[in-house]
C-alpha atoms as a PDB file:
ATOM      1  CA  MET A   1       0.000   0.000   0.000  1.00  0.00           C
ATOM      2  CA  THR A   2       1.215   3.504  -0.772  1.00  0.00           C
ATOM      3  CA  PHE A   3       0.755   6.900   0.809  1.00  0.00           C
ATOM      4  CA  TRP A   4       1.114  10.440  -0.498  1.00  0.00           C
ATOM      5  CA  ALA A   5       3.865  12.847   0.505  1.00  0.00           C
ATOM      6  CA  ALA A   6       4.532  16.478  -0.362  1.00  0.00           C
ATOM      7  CA  VAL A   7       7.775  17.189  -2.200  1.00  0.00           C
ATOM      8  CA  ARG A   8       9.545  20.555  -2.176  1.00  0.00           C
ATOM      9  CA  THR A   9      11.071  21.375  -5.542  1.00  0.00           C
ATOM     10  CA  VAL A  10      13.797  23.681  -6.733  1.00  0.00           C
ATOM     11  CA  ASN A  11      12.333  27.150  -7.363  1.00  0.00           C
ATOM     12  CA  GLN A  12      10.301  27.106 -10.597  1.00  0.00           C
ATOM     13  CA  ARG A  13      11.467  23.573 -11.452  1.00  0.00           C
ATOM     14  CA  GLU A  14       8.296  21.677 -10.591  1.00  0.00           C
ATOM     15  CA  ALA A  15       7.908  20.406 -14.189  1.00  0.00           C
ATOM     16  CA  LEU A  16      11.470  19.025 -14.149  1.00  0.00           C
ATOM     17  CA  GLY A  17      10.724  17.222 -10.884  1.00  0.00           C
ATOM     18  CA  VAL A  18       7.499  15.789 -12.336  1.00  0.00           C
ATOM     19  CA  ALA A  19       9.281  14.583 -15.489  1.00  0.00           C
ATOM     20  CA  CYS A  20      12.144  12.950 -13.588  1.00  0.00           C
ATOM     21  CA  LEU A  21       9.907  11.351 -10.944  1.00  0.00           C
ATOM     22  CA  SER A  22       7.540  10.055 -13.631  1.00  0.00           C
ATOM     23  CA  ALA A  23      10.500   8.609 -15.543  1.00  0.00           C
ATOM     24  CA  ALA A  24      11.490   6.819 -12.322  1.00  0.00           C
ATOM     25  CA  ARG A  25       7.945   5.349 -12.244  1.00  0.00           C
ATOM     26  CA  PHE A  26       6.611   7.363  -9.297  1.00  0.00           C
ATOM     27  CA  GLU A  27       2.979   8.460  -9.353  1.00  0.00           C
ATOM     28  CA  VAL A  28       2.983  12.263  -9.208  1.00  0.00           C
ATOM     29  CA  VAL A  29       0.253  14.881  -8.759  1.00  0.00           C
ATOM     30  CA  PHE A  30       1.136  18.440  -9.792  1.00  0.00           C
ATOM     31  CA  PRO A  31      -1.963  20.676  -9.609  1.00  0.00           C
ATOM     32  CA  ARG A  32      -1.890  23.918 -11.588  1.00  0.00           C
ATOM     33  CA  VAL A  33      -4.374  26.751 -12.116  1.00  0.00           C
ATOM     34  CA  LYS A  34      -4.871  29.367 -14.779  1.00  0.00           C
ATOM     35  CA  ALA A  35      -4.112  32.710 -13.146  1.00  0.00           C
ATOM     36  CA  SER A  36      -3.681  36.095 -14.836  1.00  0.00           C
ATOM     37  CA  GLY A  37      -3.715  34.479 -18.262  1.00  0.00           C
ATOM     38  CA  ARG A  38      -0.991  31.939 -17.512  1.00  0.00           C
ATOM     39  CA  ILE A  39      -0.837  28.495 -15.979  1.00  0.00           C
ATOM     40  CA  ALA A  40       0.813  28.467 -12.545  1.00  0.00           C
ATOM     41  CA  PRO A  41       1.322  25.831  -9.844  1.00  0.00           C
ATOM     42  CA  LEU A  42      -1.439  25.767  -7.238  1.00  0.00           C
ATOM     43  CA  PHE A  43       1.264  25.175  -4.616  1.00  0.00           C
ATOM     44  CA  ALA A  44       4.424  26.936  -5.810  1.00  0.00           C
ATOM     45  CA  ASN A  45       7.524  24.734  -5.434  1.00  0.00           C
ATOM     46  CA  TYR A  46       5.521  21.711  -4.270  1.00  0.00           C
ATOM     47  CA  LEU A  47       4.094  18.565  -5.816  1.00  0.00           C
ATOM     48  CA  PHE A  48       2.834  15.271  -4.423  1.00  0.00           C
ATOM     49  CA  VAL A  49       4.303  11.796  -4.873  1.00  0.00           C
ATOM     50  CA  ALA A  50       3.089   8.312  -3.910  1.00  0.00           C
ATOM     51  CA  LEU A  51       5.571   6.419  -1.711  1.00  0.00           C
ATOM     52  CA  GLY A  52       5.667   2.830  -0.439  1.00  0.00           C
ATOM     53  CA  GLU A  53       3.919   1.993   2.845  1.00  0.00           C
ATOM     54  CA  LEU A  54       7.048   2.394   4.947  1.00  0.00           C
ATOM     55  CA  GLY A  55       8.253   5.361   2.932  1.00  0.00           C
ATOM     56  CA  GLU A  56      10.257   3.252   0.498  1.00  0.00           C
ATOM     57  CA  GLY A  57      11.627   5.378  -2.269  1.00  0.00           C
ATOM     58  CA  TRP A  58      11.785   8.685  -0.453  1.00  0.00           C
ATOM     59  CA  THR A  59      15.580   8.746  -0.504  1.00  0.00           C
ATOM     60  CA  ILE A  60      15.395   8.223  -4.286  1.00  0.00           C
ATOM     61  CA  VAL A  61      12.933  11.119  -4.525  1.00  0.00           C
ATOM     62  CA  ASN A  62      15.331  13.320  -2.518  1.00  0.00           C
ATOM     63  CA  ARG A  63      18.079  12.641  -5.087  1.00  0.00           C
ATOM     64  CA  THR A  64      15.877  13.381  -8.105  1.00  0.00           C
ATOM     65  CA  LEU A  65      16.658  16.296 -10.419  1.00  0.00           C
ATOM     66  CA  GLY A  66      14.394  19.258  -9.654  1.00  0.00           C
ATOM     67  CA  VAL A  67      13.614  18.054  -6.118  1.00  0.00           C
ATOM     68  CA  LEU A  68      14.966  19.615  -2.926  1.00  0.00           C
ATOM     69  CA  LYS A  69      13.447  17.177  -0.433  1.00  0.00           C
ATOM     70  CA  VAL A  70      10.433  15.199   0.672  1.00  0.00           C
ATOM     71  CA  VAL A  71       8.598  17.068   3.426  1.00  0.00           C
ATOM     72  CA  ALA A  72       9.282  15.062   6.579  1.00  0.00           C
ATOM     73  CA  PHE A  73       8.878  15.032  10.334  1.00  0.00           C
ATOM     74  CA  GLY A  74      12.122  13.723  11.741  1.00  0.00           C
ATOM     75  CA  ASP A  75      13.250  10.707   9.765  1.00  0.00           C
ATOM     76  CA  ARG A  76       9.836   9.885   8.215  1.00  0.00           C
ATOM     77  CA  PRO A  77       8.007  11.476   5.273  1.00  0.00           C
ATOM     78  CA  ALA A  78       4.941  13.461   6.312  1.00  0.00           C
ATOM     79  CA  ARG A  79       1.759  11.857   5.000  1.00  0.00           C
ATOM     80  CA  VAL A  80      -0.785  13.818   2.970  1.00  0.00           C
ATOM     81  CA  PRO A  81      -4.307  12.407   3.507  1.00  0.00           C
ATOM     82  CA  ASP A  82      -5.538  10.267   0.603  1.00  0.00           C
ATOM     83  CA  GLN A  83      -8.852  12.158   0.525  1.00  0.00           C
ATOM     84  CA  GLU A  84      -7.034  15.451  -0.101  1.00  0.00           C
ATOM     85  CA  ILE A  85      -5.149  13.989  -3.076  1.00  0.00           C
ATOM     86  CA  ALA A  86      -8.350  12.355  -4.357  1.00  0.00           C
ATOM     87  CA  CYS A  87     -10.077  15.731  -4.143  1.00  0.00           C
ATOM     88  CA  LEU A  88      -7.266  17.414  -6.100  1.00  0.00           C
ATOM     89  CA  LYS A  89      -7.241  14.620  -8.693  1.00  0.00           C
ATOM     90  CA  GLY A  90     -11.017  14.900  -9.079  1.00  0.00           C
ATOM     91  CA  ARG A  91     -10.682  18.576  -9.943  1.00  0.00           C
ATOM     92  CA  ILE A  92      -7.772  18.294 -12.367  1.00  0.00           C
ATOM     93  CA  ASP A  93      -8.683  18.547 -16.048  1.00  0.00           C
ATOM     94  CA  ALA A  94      -6.938  16.851 -18.974  1.00  0.00           C
ATOM     95  CA  ASN A  95      -4.220  19.523 -18.976  1.00  0.00           C
ATOM     96  CA  THR A  96      -3.457  18.911 -15.261  1.00  0.00           C
ATOM     97  CA  ARG A  97      -5.040  22.232 -14.350  1.00  0.00           C
ATOM     98  CA  LEU A  98      -7.599  22.653 -11.618  1.00  0.00           C
ATOM     99  CA  ASP A  99     -10.994  23.788 -12.798  1.00  0.00           C
ATOM    100  CA  ALA A 100     -10.788  27.505 -11.998  1.00  0.00           C
ATOM    101  CA  LEU A 101     -14.417  27.623 -10.863  1.00  0.00           C
ATOM    102  CA  LYS A 102     -13.927  24.758  -8.420  1.00  0.00           C
ATOM    103  CA  ALA A 103     -10.446  25.626  -7.162  1.00  0.00           C
ATOM    104  CA  ARG A 104     -10.340  26.934  -3.614  1.00  0.00           C
ATOM    105  CA  LEU A 105      -7.688  29.547  -2.992  1.00  0.00           C
ATOM    106  CA  VAL A 106      -5.250  28.930  -0.173  1.00  0.00           C
ATOM    107  CA  GLY A 107      -6.237  31.005   2.854  1.00  0.00           C
ATOM    108  CA  GLN A 108      -9.976  31.053   2.165  1.00  0.00           C
ATOM    109  CA  GLY A 109     -10.518  28.577   4.988  1.00  0.00           C
ATOM    110  CA  GLY A 110     -12.420  25.333   4.940  1.00  0.00           C
ATOM    111  CA  SER A 111     -11.340  21.864   4.072  1.00  0.00           C
ATOM    112  CA  THR A 112     -10.623  20.996   0.451  1.00  0.00           C
ATOM    113  CA  ALA A 113     -12.366  17.648   0.864  1.00  0.00           C
ATOM    114  CA  THR A 114     -15.553  18.679   2.651  1.00  0.00           C
ATOM    115  CA  GLY A 115     -15.821  22.455   2.580  1.00  0.00           C
ATOM    116  CA  ALA A 116     -16.245  22.459   6.367  1.00  0.00           C
ATOM    117  CA  ARG A 117     -13.860  23.949   8.864  1.00  0.00           C
END
């Protein structure tokens, strides 16, 4: 079984991280939105990657081009709830952009999954 972890990327190199992680056969989620006429990352310098149950592969992710590090608490990758990733995936269109009408801006409060606080 796998779990999701957040990955911090090199500044403005999210696409490089996605390409390299995908080439290494990691499942990656990189949500983007259309803002001010251009497509931008929803979470600048971050993407999400599926890791093995015990965090297998996170040292490989840390050594991937375009990646700074897996977000971790101590010596273990921090887990991102599956329902949050499922919610993001459900809102991503064919071009890996979030539907602008459905996207919730960071700081507006509420939970992405339920809309409740």
